[in-house]
Amino acid sequence: MGEKQTIEQRTKIFAALSDPTRLKIVELLASCEEMSGSEIADKLSISLALFCHHSKTLTEAGLIKQRKEGQTKYNSLDRELLLGCMGSFTELR
């Protein structure tokens, strides 16, 4: 993604963040380097299946990156993408 995000890209990001569970996932990942899906599901008291459902939306929006190690998928927040999206409001200051 370039430095300037398109309206379509930002729309996808804000749509992904509009769900309370997905917002909690992003906030949780913002507090650490990476976590497994099971760790996230446990911390949020949701099923792993529900986490997988939400992580798909977040991954498609580009907000989380996943890497696989054995059978475990580790999730991390694309901080640069999120900051770029929020930075589109810098004129509000």
N, C-alpha and C. Protein backbone atom coordinates (compact mmCIF):
# COMPACT_ATOMS: atom_id res chain seq x y z
N MET A 1 0.83 -1.18 0.00
CA MET A 1 0.00 0.00 0.00
C MET A 1 0.87 1.25 0.00
N GLY A 2 0.44 2.21 -0.75
CA GLY A 2 1.21 3.43 -0.81
C GLY A 2 1.02 4.26 0.44
N GLU A 3 1.71 5.40 0.45
CA GLU A 3 1.64 6.27 1.62
C GLU A 3 0.23 6.81 1.81
N LYS A 4 -0.41 7.20 0.72
CA LYS A 4 -1.76 7.73 0.75
C LYS A 4 -2.74 6.59 0.46
N GLN A 5 -3.60 6.30 1.42
CA GLN A 5 -4.58 5.24 1.23
C GLN A 5 -5.78 5.76 0.47
N THR A 6 -6.36 4.89 -0.33
CA THR A 6 -7.55 5.28 -1.08
C THR A 6 -8.76 5.27 -0.15
N ILE A 7 -9.80 5.93 -0.58
CA ILE A 7 -11.07 5.93 0.16
C ILE A 7 -11.56 4.50 0.34
N GLU A 8 -11.42 3.68 -0.69
CA GLU A 8 -11.89 2.28 -0.64
C GLU A 8 -11.13 1.50 0.44
N GLN A 9 -9.82 1.72 0.51
CA GLN A 9 -9.02 1.03 1.52
C GLN A 9 -9.42 1.46 2.92
N ARG A 10 -9.59 2.76 3.11
CA ARG A 10 -9.99 3.25 4.44
C ARG A 10 -11.40 2.78 4.80
N THR A 11 -12.29 2.72 3.82
CA THR A 11 -13.65 2.23 4.07
C THR A 11 -13.62 0.80 4.57
N LYS A 12 -12.79 -0.03 3.96
CA LYS A 12 -12.66 -1.43 4.37
C LYS A 12 -12.12 -1.54 5.80
N ILE A 13 -11.17 -0.69 6.13
CA ILE A 13 -10.58 -0.69 7.47
C ILE A 13 -11.62 -0.26 8.51
N PHE A 14 -12.33 0.84 8.24
CA PHE A 14 -13.34 1.30 9.21
C PHE A 14 -14.50 0.31 9.33
N ALA A 15 -14.87 -0.35 8.24
CA ALA A 15 -15.91 -1.36 8.31
C ALA A 15 -15.47 -2.52 9.19
N ALA A 16 -14.21 -2.92 9.05
CA ALA A 16 -13.68 -4.01 9.88
C ALA A 16 -13.67 -3.61 11.35
N LEU A 17 -13.38 -2.36 11.63
CA LEU A 17 -13.30 -1.88 13.02
C LEU A 17 -14.68 -1.58 13.62
N SER A 18 -15.72 -1.63 12.81
CA SER A 18 -17.06 -1.27 13.31
C SER A 18 -17.67 -2.34 14.20
N ASP A 19 -17.09 -3.53 14.22
CA ASP A 19 -17.60 -4.59 15.08
C ASP A 19 -16.86 -4.57 16.42
N PRO A 20 -17.58 -4.61 17.54
CA PRO A 20 -16.93 -4.54 18.86
C PRO A 20 -15.87 -5.62 19.09
N THR A 21 -16.14 -6.83 18.66
CA THR A 21 -15.17 -7.92 18.86
C THR A 21 -13.91 -7.68 18.04
N ARG A 22 -14.07 -7.25 16.80
CA ARG A 22 -12.89 -6.97 15.97
C ARG A 22 -12.09 -5.80 16.53
N LEU A 23 -12.79 -4.79 17.04
CA LEU A 23 -12.08 -3.66 17.66
C LEU A 23 -11.29 -4.12 18.88
N LYS A 24 -11.87 -5.02 19.68
CA LYS A 24 -11.16 -5.57 20.84
C LYS A 24 -9.93 -6.35 20.41
N ILE A 25 -10.04 -7.10 19.32
CA ILE A 25 -8.89 -7.86 18.80
C ILE A 25 -7.77 -6.91 18.41
N VAL A 26 -8.11 -5.84 17.70
CA VAL A 26 -7.11 -4.85 17.29
C VAL A 26 -6.47 -4.19 18.51
N GLU A 27 -7.28 -3.81 19.49
CA GLU A 27 -6.75 -3.19 20.70
C GLU A 27 -5.83 -4.14 21.46
N LEU A 28 -6.20 -5.42 21.51
CA LEU A 28 -5.38 -6.42 22.18
C LEU A 28 -4.04 -6.58 21.45
N LEU A 29 -4.07 -6.65 20.13
CA LEU A 29 -2.83 -6.79 19.36
C LEU A 29 -1.97 -5.53 19.41
N ALA A 30 -2.60 -4.39 19.66
CA ALA A 30 -1.84 -3.14 19.77
C ALA A 30 -0.96 -3.15 21.02
N SER A 31 -1.32 -3.99 21.99
CA SER A 31 -0.58 -4.02 23.26
C SER A 31 0.55 -5.05 23.27
N CYS A 32 0.75 -5.76 22.15
CA CYS A 32 1.80 -6.77 22.12
C CYS A 32 2.34 -6.91 20.69
N GLU A 33 3.38 -7.71 20.56
CA GLU A 33 4.01 -7.92 19.25
C GLU A 33 3.15 -8.85 18.39
N GLU A 34 2.79 -10.01 18.94
CA GLU A 34 1.92 -10.96 18.25
C GLU A 34 1.33 -11.95 19.23
N MET A 35 0.22 -12.56 18.82
CA MET A 35 -0.45 -13.56 19.65
C MET A 35 -1.04 -14.63 18.75
N SER A 36 -1.16 -15.82 19.29
CA SER A 36 -1.83 -16.89 18.54
C SER A 36 -3.34 -16.67 18.60
N GLY A 37 -4.05 -17.29 17.69
CA GLY A 37 -5.50 -17.18 17.69
C GLY A 37 -6.10 -17.70 18.99
N SER A 38 -5.54 -18.79 19.51
CA SER A 38 -6.03 -19.36 20.77
C SER A 38 -5.84 -18.40 21.93
N GLU A 39 -4.70 -17.73 21.97
CA GLU A 39 -4.44 -16.75 23.04
C GLU A 39 -5.44 -15.60 22.97
N ILE A 40 -5.69 -15.11 21.76
CA ILE A 40 -6.64 -14.01 21.59
C ILE A 40 -8.04 -14.45 22.01
N ALA A 41 -8.46 -15.63 21.53
CA ALA A 41 -9.79 -16.14 21.87
C ALA A 41 -9.93 -16.29 23.38
N ASP A 42 -8.90 -16.81 24.04
CA ASP A 42 -8.95 -16.97 25.50
C ASP A 42 -9.07 -15.62 26.21
N LYS A 43 -8.24 -14.66 25.80
CA LYS A 43 -8.25 -13.34 26.45
C LYS A 43 -9.59 -12.64 26.28
N LEU A 44 -10.25 -12.85 25.14
CA LEU A 44 -11.53 -12.18 24.88
C LEU A 44 -12.74 -13.04 25.26
N SER A 45 -12.48 -14.24 25.76
CA SER A 45 -13.55 -15.18 26.13
C SER A 45 -14.50 -15.45 24.97
N ILE A 46 -13.92 -15.72 23.81
CA ILE A 46 -14.70 -16.11 22.64
C ILE A 46 -14.16 -17.44 22.14
N SER A 47 -14.92 -18.11 21.28
CA SER A 47 -14.46 -19.38 20.73
C SER A 47 -13.38 -19.12 19.68
N LEU A 48 -12.57 -20.12 19.44
CA LEU A 48 -11.55 -20.01 18.40
C LEU A 48 -12.21 -19.84 17.04
N ALA A 49 -13.34 -20.52 16.83
CA ALA A 49 -14.07 -20.39 15.56
C ALA A 49 -14.53 -18.95 15.34
N LEU A 50 -15.02 -18.30 16.40
CA LEU A 50 -15.46 -16.91 16.27
C LEU A 50 -14.26 -16.00 15.99
N PHE A 51 -13.14 -16.27 16.68
CA PHE A 51 -11.94 -15.49 16.38
C PHE A 51 -11.55 -15.65 14.92
N CYS A 52 -11.55 -16.87 14.40
CA CYS A 52 -11.18 -17.12 13.00
C CYS A 52 -12.09 -16.35 12.05
N HIS A 53 -13.37 -16.31 12.36
CA HIS A 53 -14.33 -15.56 11.55
C HIS A 53 -13.94 -14.07 11.51
N HIS A 54 -13.68 -13.50 12.66
CA HIS A 54 -13.33 -12.08 12.74
C HIS A 54 -11.94 -11.80 12.17
N SER A 55 -11.01 -12.73 12.37
CA SER A 55 -9.65 -12.50 11.87
C SER A 55 -9.62 -12.47 10.34
N LYS A 56 -10.53 -13.20 9.72
CA LYS A 56 -10.61 -13.18 8.25
C LYS A 56 -10.94 -11.77 7.76
N THR A 57 -11.90 -11.14 8.39
CA THR A 57 -12.29 -9.77 8.02
C THR A 57 -11.15 -8.79 8.26
N LEU A 58 -10.47 -8.93 9.40
CA LEU A 58 -9.36 -8.04 9.73
C LEU A 58 -8.18 -8.25 8.78
N THR A 59 -7.94 -9.49 8.39
CA THR A 59 -6.86 -9.79 7.46
C THR A 59 -7.18 -9.24 6.08
N GLU A 60 -8.42 -9.41 5.63
CA GLU A 60 -8.83 -8.88 4.32
C GLU A 60 -8.72 -7.36 4.28
N ALA A 61 -8.95 -6.70 5.40
CA ALA A 61 -8.81 -5.24 5.47
C ALA A 61 -7.35 -4.83 5.57
N GLY A 62 -6.47 -5.80 5.84
CA GLY A 62 -5.05 -5.52 5.95
C GLY A 62 -4.60 -5.15 7.35
N LEU A 63 -5.52 -5.18 8.31
CA LEU A 63 -5.19 -4.74 9.67
C LEU A 63 -4.33 -5.73 10.44
N ILE A 64 -4.54 -7.02 10.21
CA ILE A 64 -3.68 -7.99 10.88
C ILE A 64 -2.96 -8.84 9.85
N LYS A 65 -1.75 -9.21 10.23
CA LYS A 65 -0.93 -10.11 9.42
C LYS A 65 -0.85 -11.42 10.16
N GLN A 66 -0.83 -12.50 9.41
CA GLN A 66 -0.74 -13.81 10.05
C GLN A 66 0.47 -14.56 9.51
N ARG A 67 1.13 -15.27 10.42
CA ARG A 67 2.20 -16.16 10.01
C ARG A 67 1.92 -17.51 10.65
N LYS A 68 2.26 -18.56 9.94
CA LYS A 68 1.98 -19.90 10.44
C LYS A 68 3.27 -20.56 10.88
N GLU A 69 3.23 -21.16 12.05
CA GLU A 69 4.35 -21.92 12.58
C GLU A 69 3.79 -23.25 13.04
N GLY A 70 4.06 -24.30 12.30
CA GLY A 70 3.44 -25.60 12.58
C GLY A 70 1.95 -25.49 12.33
N GLN A 71 1.16 -25.86 13.32
CA GLN A 71 -0.30 -25.77 13.21
C GLN A 71 -0.85 -24.45 13.74
N THR A 72 0.02 -23.62 14.29
CA THR A 72 -0.42 -22.40 14.95
C THR A 72 -0.24 -21.18 14.05
N LYS A 73 -1.29 -20.36 13.99
CA LYS A 73 -1.20 -19.08 13.27
C LYS A 73 -0.99 -17.98 14.30
N TYR A 74 0.02 -17.15 14.04
CA TYR A 74 0.30 -16.01 14.91
C TYR A 74 -0.16 -14.74 14.22
N ASN A 75 -0.77 -13.87 14.98
CA ASN A 75 -1.38 -12.65 14.46
C ASN A 75 -0.65 -11.43 14.99
N SER A 76 -0.44 -10.46 14.11
CA SER A 76 0.16 -9.19 14.53
C SER A 76 -0.58 -8.05 13.83
N LEU A 77 -0.54 -6.91 14.45
CA LEU A 77 -1.23 -5.73 13.94
C LEU A 77 -0.34 -5.01 12.94
N ASP A 78 -0.92 -4.61 11.81
CA ASP A 78 -0.18 -3.76 10.86
C ASP A 78 -0.35 -2.33 11.36
N ARG A 79 0.54 -1.94 12.24
CA ARG A 79 0.45 -0.63 12.89
C ARG A 79 0.56 0.51 11.89
N GLU A 80 1.43 0.34 10.90
CA GLU A 80 1.63 1.39 9.90
C GLU A 80 0.34 1.66 9.12
N LEU A 81 -0.35 0.59 8.75
CA LEU A 81 -1.61 0.73 8.02
C LEU A 81 -2.65 1.45 8.88
N LEU A 82 -2.77 1.03 10.14
CA LEU A 82 -3.75 1.63 11.03
C LEU A 82 -3.43 3.10 11.29
N LEU A 83 -2.17 3.40 11.54
CA LEU A 83 -1.78 4.79 11.77
C LEU A 83 -2.01 5.65 10.52
N GLY A 84 -1.75 5.08 9.36
CA GLY A 84 -1.99 5.81 8.10
C GLY A 84 -3.46 6.13 7.92
N CYS A 85 -4.30 5.17 8.28
CA CYS A 85 -5.75 5.37 8.17
C CYS A 85 -6.21 6.46 9.13
N MET A 86 -5.76 6.37 10.36
CA MET A 86 -6.15 7.38 11.35
C MET A 86 -5.53 8.74 11.01
N GLY A 87 -4.38 8.71 10.39
CA GLY A 87 -3.70 9.94 9.99
C GLY A 87 -4.45 10.72 8.93
N SER A 88 -5.42 10.07 8.28
CA SER A 88 -6.20 10.77 7.26
C SER A 88 -7.05 11.86 7.88
N PHE A 89 -7.13 11.90 9.22
CA PHE A 89 -7.90 12.90 9.92
C PHE A 89 -7.03 13.99 10.54
N THR A 90 -5.80 14.10 10.13
CA THR A 90 -4.90 15.06 10.76
C THR A 90 -5.37 16.50 10.59
N GLU A 91 -6.17 16.76 9.57
CA GLU A 91 -6.66 18.11 9.34
C GLU A 91 -7.66 18.55 10.41
N LEU A 92 -8.15 17.60 11.22
CA LEU A 92 -9.12 17.93 12.26
C LEU A 92 -8.50 18.72 13.41
N ARG A 93 -7.21 18.66 13.53
CA ARG A 93 -6.55 19.32 14.68
C ARG A 93 -6.65 20.80 14.61
